[in-house]
Amino acid sequence: MVDVQTKQVTAVVSRKGIVSVQWSPKETYLVTCEKIKTNQTFKNLNVWNVSSLASKTDEPEKSFEWANSAKDGASSIKFDPEEQFCARQIAKNVIEIFENGNFNESKM
């Protein structure tokens, strides 16, 4: 990330193969999705707390497996305008809800 006014790099996500990115409404979180390599399973859909990135912490807030097209991965996670709730699409008709930035325990 770059501070537009000072043109200084403020944070870096150091992951190879990121193909989709999305910001939460208040820009508290950055969601990234990496392309899966052939016959490999890993948690390639990541939610990053921007303040952790700025402090050089290189670990996402939460990681999920995303087996569908990586270009659609970041858009599979949505936040409400106040970032009180976060919904993650798991399958075509299945979602998971998180509350108040607690990604360790889903509410539904």
Protein backbone atom coordinates (compact mmCIF):
# COMPACT_ATOMS: atom_id res chain seq x y z
CA MET A 1 0.00 0.00 0.00
CA VAL A 2 1.15 3.51 -0.69
CA ASP A 3 0.30 6.74 1.11
CA VAL A 4 -0.90 8.87 -1.79
CA GLN A 5 0.14 12.18 -0.22
CA THR A 6 3.68 11.20 0.80
CA LYS A 7 4.13 8.57 -1.93
CA GLN A 8 5.69 6.27 0.68
CA VAL A 9 5.07 2.53 0.84
CA THR A 10 3.16 1.87 4.06
CA ALA A 11 2.57 -1.87 3.83
CA VAL A 12 3.33 -4.83 1.62
CA VAL A 13 1.52 -8.14 1.14
CA SER A 14 4.28 -10.57 0.27
CA ARG A 15 2.45 -13.45 -1.35
CA LYS A 16 3.09 -14.86 -4.80
CA GLY A 17 0.26 -15.47 -7.22
CA ILE A 18 -2.34 -12.98 -5.94
CA VAL A 19 -4.93 -12.57 -8.69
CA SER A 20 -7.77 -10.78 -6.90
CA VAL A 21 -7.94 -8.07 -4.25
CA GLN A 22 -10.79 -6.30 -2.50
CA TRP A 23 -10.97 -3.65 0.26
CA SER A 24 -13.50 -3.62 3.09
CA PRO A 25 -15.74 -0.50 3.12
CA LYS A 26 -13.69 1.36 5.77
CA GLU A 27 -10.41 -0.03 4.40
CA THR A 28 -9.71 -1.85 7.67
CA TYR A 29 -9.29 -5.17 5.85
CA LEU A 30 -7.77 -6.25 2.58
CA VAL A 31 -8.95 -9.53 1.03
CA THR A 32 -6.63 -11.34 -1.38
CA CYS A 33 -6.90 -14.59 -3.29
CA GLU A 34 -4.01 -16.55 -4.77
CA LYS A 35 -4.14 -18.87 -7.74
CA ILE A 36 -3.99 -22.54 -6.76
CA LYS A 37 -1.23 -24.57 -8.35
CA THR A 38 -2.17 -27.90 -9.90
CA ASN A 39 -3.11 -30.65 -7.43
CA GLN A 40 -2.39 -28.45 -4.44
CA THR A 41 -4.70 -27.61 -1.54
CA PHE A 42 -3.92 -24.66 0.66
CA LYS A 43 -5.59 -21.65 2.21
CA ASN A 44 -5.40 -19.18 -0.63
CA LEU A 45 -8.16 -16.73 0.38
CA ASN A 46 -6.80 -14.32 2.99
CA VAL A 47 -8.25 -11.50 5.08
CA TRP A 48 -5.55 -9.04 6.15
CA ASN A 49 -5.94 -6.44 8.89
CA VAL A 50 -4.40 -3.33 7.35
CA SER A 51 -2.95 -2.13 10.67
CA SER A 52 -1.07 -5.45 10.98
CA LEU A 53 0.30 -5.02 7.48
CA ALA A 54 1.50 -1.53 8.33
CA SER A 55 3.35 -2.93 11.35
CA LYS A 56 5.04 -5.47 9.05
CA THR A 57 3.15 -8.48 10.39
CA ASP A 58 3.14 -10.92 7.51
CA GLU A 59 0.28 -13.13 8.70
CA PRO A 60 -3.32 -12.75 7.57
CA GLU A 61 -6.10 -12.24 10.11
CA LYS A 62 -7.80 -15.35 8.68
CA SER A 63 -7.19 -17.74 5.79
CA PHE A 64 -9.66 -19.96 3.97
CA GLU A 65 -9.51 -22.51 1.17
CA TRP A 66 -11.00 -21.21 -2.07
CA ALA A 67 -11.16 -23.87 -4.79
CA ASN A 68 -13.17 -21.87 -7.34
CA SER A 69 -11.69 -19.37 -9.77
CA ALA A 70 -9.11 -17.27 -7.90
CA LYS A 71 -10.19 -14.15 -9.80
CA ASP A 72 -13.54 -14.41 -7.96
CA GLY A 73 -12.07 -15.30 -4.58
CA ALA A 74 -11.67 -11.86 -3.03
CA SER A 75 -15.23 -10.91 -4.01
CA SER A 76 -16.57 -13.97 -2.15
CA ILE A 77 -16.09 -12.07 1.13
CA LYS A 78 -18.32 -9.06 1.84
CA PHE A 79 -18.48 -6.61 4.75
CA ASP A 80 -21.42 -4.45 5.81
CA PRO A 81 -20.76 -0.67 5.48
CA GLU A 82 -19.78 -0.35 9.17
CA GLU A 83 -17.67 -3.54 9.10
CA GLN A 84 -19.64 -5.03 11.99
CA PHE A 85 -20.42 -8.17 9.99
CA CYS A 86 -18.56 -10.12 7.37
CA ALA A 87 -20.08 -12.80 5.15
CA ARG A 88 -18.10 -15.43 3.30
CA GLN A 89 -19.53 -17.55 0.52
CA ILE A 90 -18.56 -21.18 1.07
CA ALA A 91 -20.63 -22.81 -1.65
CA LYS A 92 -23.36 -21.76 -4.07
CA ASN A 93 -26.06 -21.61 -1.37
CA VAL A 94 -23.94 -21.56 1.80
CA ILE A 95 -22.53 -18.54 3.64
CA GLU A 96 -20.63 -18.06 6.87
CA ILE A 97 -21.09 -14.93 9.04
CA PHE A 98 -18.46 -13.33 11.28
CA GLU A 99 -19.10 -10.47 13.72
CA ASN A 100 -16.95 -7.53 14.92
CA GLY A 101 -13.73 -8.66 13.27
CA ASN A 102 -13.72 -12.03 15.07
CA PHE A 103 -12.79 -14.42 12.26
CA ASN A 104 -12.14 -17.33 14.62
CA GLU A 105 -15.81 -18.00 15.32
CA SER A 106 -18.56 -17.88 12.74
CA LYS A 107 -22.02 -16.80 13.88
CA MET A 108 -23.88 -18.90 11.34
